[in-house]
Protein backbone atom coordinates (compact mmCIF):
# COMPACT_ATOMS: atom_id res chain seq x y z
CA MET A 1 -35.35 6.18 -15.10
CA ALA A 2 -32.32 6.56 -12.57
CA PHE A 3 -29.09 4.93 -13.66
CA PRO A 4 -28.44 2.07 -11.23
CA PHE A 5 -24.95 3.23 -10.09
CA LEU A 6 -25.24 0.63 -6.96
CA GLU A 7 -25.59 -2.29 -9.08
CA ALA A 8 -22.92 -1.19 -11.40
CA VAL A 9 -20.76 -0.84 -8.87
CA ILE A 10 -21.33 -3.88 -7.31
CA GLY A 11 -20.93 -5.44 -10.72
CA PHE A 12 -17.80 -4.14 -11.61
CA MET A 13 -16.57 -5.33 -8.60
CA ILE A 14 -17.36 -9.15 -9.28
CA LEU A 15 -15.77 -8.23 -13.02
CA MET A 16 -12.71 -7.38 -11.35
CA TYR A 17 -12.39 -10.28 -8.88
CA ASN A 18 -13.06 -12.72 -11.52
CA PHE A 19 -10.49 -10.99 -13.71
CA GLU A 20 -7.26 -10.94 -10.92
CA THR A 21 -8.18 -14.10 -9.76
CA TYR A 22 -8.19 -15.51 -13.19
CA LEU A 23 -4.51 -13.69 -12.89
CA ASP A 24 -4.36 -15.46 -9.36
CA PHE A 25 -4.70 -18.80 -10.82
CA ARG A 26 -2.14 -18.05 -13.46
CA GLN A 27 0.53 -16.80 -10.97
CA HIS A 28 -0.60 -19.89 -8.52
CA ALA A 29 0.13 -22.32 -11.64
CA ALA A 30 3.56 -20.45 -12.42
CA LEU A 31 4.62 -20.94 -8.58
CA LYS A 32 3.42 -25.22 -8.98
CA LEU A 33 6.45 -25.00 -11.41
CA PRO A 34 8.77 -27.42 -10.09
CA THR A 35 12.11 -26.29 -12.09
CA LEU A 36 13.73 -22.69 -11.89
CA PRO A 37 13.55 -20.70 -14.88
CA LYS A 38 16.74 -21.21 -17.19
CA THR A 39 18.37 -17.69 -15.64
CA LEU A 40 18.50 -18.79 -12.28
CA GLU A 41 19.65 -22.02 -12.52
CA GLY A 42 22.62 -22.18 -10.55
CA VAL A 43 22.61 -18.94 -9.38
CA ILE A 44 19.34 -19.65 -6.50
CA SER A 45 20.37 -22.72 -5.07
CA GLN A 46 17.23 -25.75 -5.02
CA GLU A 47 16.69 -25.55 -1.11
CA LYS A 48 15.83 -21.68 -0.92
CA PHE A 49 14.10 -22.73 -4.59
CA GLU A 50 11.63 -25.07 -3.04
CA LYS A 51 11.62 -22.74 0.37
CA SER A 52 10.47 -20.21 -1.95
CA ARG A 53 7.85 -22.14 -3.66
CA ALA A 54 6.08 -23.18 -0.30
CA TYR A 55 6.15 -19.67 1.11
CA CYS A 56 4.93 -18.47 -1.94
CA LEU A 57 2.03 -20.87 -2.65
CA GLU A 58 0.84 -20.73 0.95
CA ARG A 59 0.49 -16.50 0.52
CA SER A 60 -1.61 -17.55 -2.50
CA ASN A 61 -3.81 -19.92 -0.42
CA PHE A 62 -4.29 -17.26 1.46
CA HIS A 63 -4.62 -14.59 -0.66
CA PHE A 64 -7.91 -16.22 -2.68
CA VAL A 65 -9.28 -17.09 0.94
CA HIS A 66 -9.15 -13.64 1.57
CA ASP A 67 -10.41 -11.81 -1.71
CA PHE A 68 -13.14 -13.81 -1.75
CA VAL A 69 -14.52 -12.88 1.65
CA THR A 70 -13.62 -9.51 0.95
CA LEU A 71 -15.65 -9.31 -2.06
CA LEU A 72 -18.49 -11.32 -0.19
CA MET A 73 -18.76 -8.38 2.82
CA ASP A 74 -17.84 -5.05 0.19
CA SER A 75 -20.87 -6.56 -1.77
CA ALA A 76 -23.30 -7.18 1.35
CA ILE A 77 -22.24 -3.98 2.84
CA LEU A 78 -23.03 -2.48 -0.42
CA PHE A 79 -26.46 -4.15 -1.66
CA TYR A 80 -27.88 -5.00 1.93
CA ARG A 81 -27.61 -0.73 2.28
CA ILE A 82 -25.95 -1.48 5.33
CA LEU A 83 -23.41 2.23 4.88
CA PRO A 84 -27.10 4.15 5.01
CA TRP A 85 -27.94 2.01 8.19
CA PHE A 86 -24.87 2.77 10.01
CA TRP A 87 -24.97 6.70 9.39
CA LYS A 88 -27.82 6.97 10.70
CA LYS A 89 -26.91 4.92 13.78
CA SER A 90 -23.91 6.80 14.30
CA GLY A 91 -26.22 9.84 14.05
CA ASP A 92 -28.07 8.37 17.15
CA PHE A 93 -25.05 7.52 18.85
CA VAL A 94 -24.02 11.50 18.57
CA VAL A 95 -27.59 12.13 19.97
CA LEU A 96 -26.97 9.68 23.29
CA ALA A 97 -23.71 11.21 23.76
CA GLY A 98 -25.52 14.38 24.09
CA LEU A 99 -24.35 16.25 21.02
CA ASN A 100 -25.80 17.74 18.07
CA ALA A 101 -26.32 15.37 15.18
CA GLN A 102 -27.28 18.08 12.98
CA ASN A 103 -23.38 18.90 13.27
CA GLU A 104 -22.05 17.07 10.02
CA ILE A 105 -18.29 16.99 11.45
CA LEU A 106 -19.37 15.35 14.68
CA HIS A 107 -21.67 12.95 13.03
CA THR A 108 -18.96 11.90 10.46
CA LEU A 109 -16.06 11.39 13.23
CA ALA A 110 -18.85 9.03 14.92
CA PHE A 111 -19.25 7.34 11.65
CA LEU A 112 -15.63 6.83 10.83
CA ALA A 113 -15.07 5.76 14.39
CA GLY A 114 -17.48 2.79 13.79
CA VAL A 115 -16.22 2.14 10.45
CA MET A 116 -12.40 1.56 12.25
CA ILE A 117 -13.53 -0.54 14.76
CA TRP A 118 -15.85 -2.43 12.31
CA GLU A 119 -12.53 -3.04 10.08
CA GLN A 120 -9.95 -3.55 12.81
CA ILE A 121 -12.27 -6.63 14.08
CA THR A 122 -12.99 -8.08 10.41
CA ASP A 123 -9.48 -7.62 9.42
CA LEU A 124 -8.05 -8.87 13.02
CA PRO A 125 -8.35 -12.74 11.95
CA PHE A 126 -6.16 -12.44 8.85
CA SER A 127 -3.55 -10.56 10.09
CA LEU A 128 -3.05 -12.78 13.22
CA TYR A 129 -2.75 -15.99 10.75
CA SER A 130 -1.05 -14.03 8.25
CA THR A 131 1.66 -13.35 11.12
CA PHE A 132 1.95 -15.61 13.53
CA VAL A 133 1.05 -18.41 11.09
CA ILE A 134 2.13 -18.33 7.77
CA GLU A 135 4.89 -15.46 8.02
CA ALA A 136 6.25 -17.31 11.38
CA ARG A 137 6.08 -21.00 9.79
CA HIS A 138 8.33 -19.71 7.23
CA GLY A 139 10.57 -17.90 9.57
CA PHE A 140 10.03 -14.66 8.95
CA ASN A 141 8.06 -13.09 11.77
CA ASN A 142 9.63 -11.92 15.02
CA GLN A 143 7.42 -10.25 16.89
CA THR A 144 5.15 -10.87 20.17
CA ILE A 145 1.50 -11.10 20.51
CA TRP A 146 1.93 -8.13 22.50
CA LEU A 147 4.16 -6.06 20.52
CA PHE A 148 1.24 -6.63 17.34
CA LEU A 149 -1.68 -5.35 19.62
CA LYS A 150 0.53 -2.82 20.71
CA ASP A 151 1.15 -1.37 17.31
CA MET A 152 -2.08 -1.62 16.48
CA LEU A 153 -2.81 0.09 19.57
CA LYS A 154 -0.88 2.90 18.43
CA GLU A 155 -2.34 3.31 14.88
CA ILE A 156 -5.64 3.48 16.67
CA CYS A 157 -4.19 6.23 18.64
CA LEU A 158 -2.89 8.25 15.64
CA SER A 159 -6.15 7.97 13.77
CA VAL A 160 -8.11 9.29 16.66
CA ILE A 161 -5.03 12.24 16.88
CA ILE A 162 -4.88 13.08 13.06
CA ALA A 163 -8.42 12.10 11.36
CA PRO A 164 -10.17 14.21 13.30
CA PRO A 165 -8.80 17.82 11.86
CA ILE A 166 -8.56 16.43 8.62
CA VAL A 167 -11.73 15.66 8.18
CA SER A 168 -13.17 18.29 9.51
CA ALA A 169 -11.25 21.01 7.45
CA ILE A 170 -12.17 18.52 4.14
CA ILE A 171 -15.70 18.86 5.00
CA VAL A 172 -16.04 22.97 5.74
CA ILE A 173 -13.56 23.30 2.03
CA VAL A 174 -16.33 21.12 0.53
CA GLU A 175 -19.45 23.00 2.10
CA LYS A 176 -17.68 26.52 1.72
CA GLY A 177 -15.71 25.80 -1.37
CA GLY A 178 -18.25 26.97 -3.97
CA ALA A 179 -16.96 26.86 -7.29
CA TYR A 180 -13.50 26.32 -6.45
CA LEU A 181 -13.95 23.97 -4.62
CA VAL A 182 -11.79 21.80 -6.82
CA ILE A 183 -8.44 24.06 -6.36
CA TYR A 184 -9.25 23.95 -2.58
CA LEU A 185 -9.18 20.70 -1.96
CA TRP A 186 -6.25 20.02 -4.20
CA ALA A 187 -4.79 22.76 -2.74
CA PHE A 188 -5.22 21.24 0.84
CA MET A 189 -4.26 17.54 -0.08
CA LEU A 190 -1.11 19.14 -1.91
CA VAL A 191 -0.17 20.85 1.98
CA LEU A 192 -1.14 17.66 3.80
CA SER A 193 0.85 15.77 1.81
CA PHE A 194 3.90 17.56 2.39
CA VAL A 195 3.24 18.47 5.82
CA MET A 196 2.93 14.12 6.66
CA MET A 197 5.58 13.54 4.40
CA THR A 198 7.89 15.72 7.22
CA ILE A 199 6.14 14.45 10.39
CA TYR A 200 6.31 10.86 9.41
CA PRO A 201 9.75 10.14 9.74
CA VAL A 202 10.53 12.50 13.00
CA LEU A 203 7.32 11.81 15.12
CA ILE A 204 5.14 8.83 13.54
CA ALA A 205 8.12 6.30 12.17
CA PRO A 206 9.81 6.57 15.89
CA LEU A 207 6.50 5.10 17.35
CA PHE A 208 7.08 1.99 15.94
CA ASN A 209 10.67 1.86 15.07
CA LYS A 210 13.93 2.80 16.73
CA PHE A 211 16.25 4.82 14.26
CA THR A 212 19.88 4.81 14.89
CA PRO A 213 22.78 6.54 13.08
CA LEU A 214 24.43 4.33 11.05
CA PRO A 215 27.70 4.05 12.63
CA GLU A 216 31.30 4.92 11.16
CA GLY A 217 32.84 2.09 8.97
CA GLN A 218 33.35 0.83 5.43
CA LEU A 219 29.68 0.69 4.62
CA ARG A 220 28.85 4.32 5.77
CA GLU A 221 31.64 5.38 3.42
CA LYS A 222 30.95 3.43 0.57
CA ILE A 223 27.42 4.62 0.53
CA GLU A 224 28.84 8.57 1.12
CA LYS A 225 30.80 8.28 -1.57
CA LEU A 226 28.53 7.23 -3.53
CA ALA A 227 26.11 9.77 -2.34
CA SER A 228 28.45 12.70 -3.23
CA SER A 229 29.69 11.36 -6.68
CA LEU A 230 26.12 11.46 -7.51
CA LYS A 231 25.88 15.14 -5.81
CA PHE A 232 22.98 13.57 -3.77
CA PRO A 233 22.31 15.72 -0.52
CA LEU A 234 22.46 13.15 1.84
CA LYS A 235 22.49 14.27 5.19
CA LYS A 236 21.44 11.15 7.34
CA LEU A 237 21.55 7.47 7.00
CA PHE A 238 19.84 5.51 9.56
CA VAL A 239 19.70 1.49 10.60
CA VAL A 240 15.97 0.75 11.88
CA ASP A 241 14.94 -2.63 13.96
CA GLY A 242 12.82 -3.67 11.20
CA SER A 243 14.18 -7.08 12.55
CA ILE A 244 11.71 -6.64 15.48
CA ARG A 245 9.03 -7.81 13.34
CA SER A 246 9.34 -9.29 10.45
CA SER A 247 13.02 -10.74 8.79
CA HIS A 248 11.92 -9.11 5.08
CA SER A 249 14.69 -6.91 3.74
CA ASN A 250 14.59 -3.34 2.47
CA ALA A 251 15.36 0.10 1.90
CA TYR A 252 14.24 3.53 1.28
CA MET A 253 15.12 7.20 0.73
CA TYR A 254 12.99 10.19 1.98
CA GLY A 255 13.41 14.10 2.12
CA PHE A 256 13.35 17.38 0.12
CA PHE A 257 15.26 19.25 -2.05
CA LYS A 258 18.61 19.18 -0.35
CA ASN A 259 17.93 17.39 2.81
CA LYS A 260 17.98 13.74 2.02
CA ARG A 261 18.04 10.57 4.26
CA ILE A 262 18.81 6.86 3.48
CA VAL A 263 17.09 4.46 6.18
CA LEU A 264 18.74 0.83 6.02
CA TYR A 265 16.83 -1.57 7.78
CA ASP A 266 18.62 -4.12 9.52
CA THR A 267 16.86 -6.46 7.75
CA LEU A 268 15.50 -3.33 5.43
CA ILE A 269 11.88 -3.17 5.36
CA GLN A 270 9.45 -2.08 2.42
CA GLN A 271 8.28 1.63 2.39
CA ILE A 272 4.65 2.67 2.68
CA ARG A 273 3.86 4.79 -0.20
CA MET A 274 0.32 6.56 0.02
CA LEU A 275 -1.91 8.66 -2.58
CA LEU A 276 -4.73 10.72 -1.73
CA HIS A 277 -7.77 11.52 -4.30
CA PHE A 278 -10.65 13.48 -3.02
CA GLY A 279 -10.95 17.06 -6.17
CA GLY A 280 -13.38 14.81 -8.71
CA TYR A 281 -15.65 14.12 -5.87
CA ALA A 282 -17.12 17.78 -7.13
CA LEU A 283 -18.30 16.41 -10.31
CA LEU A 284 -20.76 14.05 -8.57
CA ARG A 285 -21.33 15.78 -5.27
CA ASP A 286 -24.75 17.15 -6.24
CA SER A 287 -26.29 13.95 -8.24
CA SER A 288 -29.52 13.47 -5.31
CA SER A 289 -29.86 10.06 -7.67
CA LEU A 290 -26.23 8.79 -7.15
CA PHE A 291 -27.15 8.89 -3.53
CA LEU A 292 -30.30 8.01 -3.22
CA SER A 293 -28.91 5.06 -5.34
CA PHE A 294 -27.07 4.29 -2.74
CA GLY A 295 -29.96 3.94 0.24
CA PHE A 296 -29.11 7.74 1.43
CA ASP A 297 -32.02 10.52 1.45
CA THR A 298 -28.80 13.51 2.35
CA GLN A 299 -26.07 13.73 1.04
CA PRO A 300 -22.95 13.88 3.76
CA VAL A 301 -19.72 15.04 2.48
CA ILE A 302 -17.54 11.74 3.50
CA ILE A 303 -20.45 9.78 2.27
CA GLY A 304 -20.49 11.46 -1.07
CA LEU A 305 -16.65 10.64 -1.07
CA ILE A 306 -16.95 6.88 -0.29
CA ILE A 307 -19.58 6.33 -3.39
CA PHE A 308 -17.32 8.41 -5.17
CA GLN A 309 -14.35 6.12 -4.42
CA HIS A 310 -16.54 3.59 -5.52
CA THR A 311 -17.36 4.80 -9.03
CA ILE A 312 -14.01 5.86 -10.16
CA THR A 313 -12.88 2.37 -9.17
CA PRO A 314 -12.60 1.49 -12.98
CA ILE A 315 -10.39 4.47 -13.50
CA GLN A 316 -8.34 3.21 -10.36
CA HIS A 317 -7.71 0.48 -11.91
CA LEU A 318 -6.29 1.57 -15.02
CA VAL A 319 -4.18 4.39 -13.00
CA HIS A 320 -2.80 1.58 -10.78
CA PHE A 321 -1.82 -0.42 -13.79
CA ALA A 322 -0.25 2.68 -15.19
CA ARG A 323 1.68 3.79 -12.42
CA ASN A 324 3.30 0.18 -12.18
CA LEU A 325 4.46 0.23 -16.14
CA VAL A 326 6.08 3.64 -14.97
CA SER A 327 7.74 2.21 -11.49
CA ARG A 328 9.43 -0.72 -13.81
CA ALA A 329 10.57 1.59 -16.42
CA PHE A 330 12.16 3.35 -13.90
CA GLU A 331 13.66 0.37 -11.83
CA PHE A 332 15.32 -0.89 -15.26
CA GLN A 333 16.36 2.63 -15.80
CA ALA A 334 18.17 2.55 -12.56
CA ASP A 335 19.43 -1.04 -12.66
CA ALA A 336 21.10 0.49 -16.40
CA PHE A 337 22.53 3.28 -14.55
CA ALA A 338 23.95 1.21 -11.75
CA LYS A 339 25.47 -0.60 -14.33
CA LYS A 340 27.21 2.46 -16.05
CA LEU A 341 28.82 3.27 -12.51
CA GLY A 342 30.22 -0.11 -12.45
CA TYR A 343 27.89 -1.95 -10.53
CA ALA A 344 26.81 -4.39 -12.81
CA SER A 345 28.19 -7.47 -10.97
CA SER A 346 27.21 -5.81 -7.14
CA LEU A 347 23.56 -5.22 -8.37
CA ARG A 348 22.96 -8.90 -9.61
CA ALA A 349 24.33 -10.32 -6.22
CA SER A 350 22.01 -7.85 -4.18
CA LEU A 351 19.41 -8.92 -6.33
CA VAL A 352 19.67 -12.44 -5.97
CA ARG A 353 20.12 -12.26 -2.38
CA LEU A 354 17.02 -10.16 -1.86
CA GLN A 355 14.97 -12.43 -4.04
CA GLU A 356 16.56 -15.32 -1.46
CA GLU A 357 16.09 -13.70 1.88
CA ASN A 358 12.54 -12.86 1.01
CA LEU A 359 11.59 -15.90 -0.38
CA SER A 360 10.27 -14.10 -3.07
CA ALA A 361 8.61 -15.72 -6.46
CA MET A 362 10.95 -17.55 -8.74
CA ASN A 363 8.67 -18.08 -11.52
CA THR A 364 5.97 -15.46 -11.99
CA ASP A 365 3.45 -15.62 -14.98
CA PRO A 366 4.00 -12.32 -17.02
CA TRP A 367 0.56 -11.44 -17.09
CA TYR A 368 0.03 -11.04 -13.18
CA SER A 369 3.33 -9.51 -13.03
CA ALA A 370 2.26 -7.18 -15.46
CA TYR A 371 -0.83 -6.04 -13.77
CA HIS A 372 0.38 -6.52 -10.34
CA TYR A 373 4.47 -5.92 -9.66
CA SER A 374 5.15 -2.08 -9.38
CA HIS A 375 9.34 -3.81 -9.71
CA PRO A 376 10.19 -6.00 -12.52
CA PRO A 377 10.66 -9.80 -11.41
CA LEU A 378 14.42 -11.19 -11.03
CA VAL A 379 14.75 -12.80 -14.44
CA GLU A 380 14.02 -9.55 -16.07
CA ARG A 381 16.42 -7.35 -14.49
CA LEU A 382 18.98 -10.16 -14.72
CA ALA A 383 17.73 -10.62 -18.57
CA ALA A 384 18.09 -6.56 -18.70
CA ILE A 385 21.52 -6.28 -16.84
CA GLY A 386 22.51 -8.91 -19.30
CA GLU A 387 21.39 -6.79 -22.92
CA THR A 388 23.07 -3.93 -21.27
CA ASP A 389 26.18 -5.69 -20.83
CA LYS A 390 25.95 -6.80 -24.73
CA LYS A 391 25.33 -3.25 -25.88
CA THR A 392 28.12 -2.23 -23.74
CA ASP A 393 30.45 -4.50 -25.53
């Protein structure tokens, strides 16, 4: 009797949904607390606390609805075998277009185009509500509906340009890779990552934002002086007009070897990170029972990758948790390093200001933050800086 891969995947999805929803309820309860943590009393104003509380609670309620709808859709797509049905329909479309449906690359591109359209349609109501209702109500949204739609159109165009050669290369590597498939896939994705990291700031990011050199002045002098003292190979320093979309703030740096750049958003926006995993697919690609369990009587490369992503979900959750632990440890180390350089008071003030301006959660559940947060909560960071002070004394 074949192993019920499909039922196992759906069962784990529901299990993880229940676990994460439990954590969400814990965090929701923490957000409802009417008082600040003792560490933040006298540091955060009551007015900012109330605004933060209202914003986080509304985001939390939205998150409950979004996650529940997502679970229903994903489970239904798998349980009712929508994927194999859609794969066959995409093949019919290729034939209708006068092309060869036996060409797996063409068939795959038609399939992915349909998936992209479906995802855009199903996600659009949530994106619109999040941006133009929640973010606008709390003073963060600065973009117009036209800018929102223009960004969406640019993202679609970029996908149409970038995805076909990448998908085609992956299919060819899987078909021709033989015993060295894993090595070839790993090498291809490594090169692709470096290429994307190189062209993103030069060609892609400017399509969405305007980057201008940070003007001469005290701020630039201080940043360059600090970079020089740390032997940080800073080559360029930019300000990006993140405020045309949102009032949230942050900063990021990027670059290779001796060519580093720092980008300061005029409101300091969040940096996007992307991690791609394909190598382990080779372990399951020849399992016909796995494909049959999901309703496929053929073994297309892209379908194998999608199924593989579903089957390794338990490992992905563990990796995500481990990555957050490492990231949080690095943040504590960075704070301690800033303290060592004599920036403890400036760091405290900056962390508090970012917390206030972004209306971040003041009260956090320890289980929730340990599982979800890549950065430690403000209370923990301030406490750690204080402990560093005591150790130094």
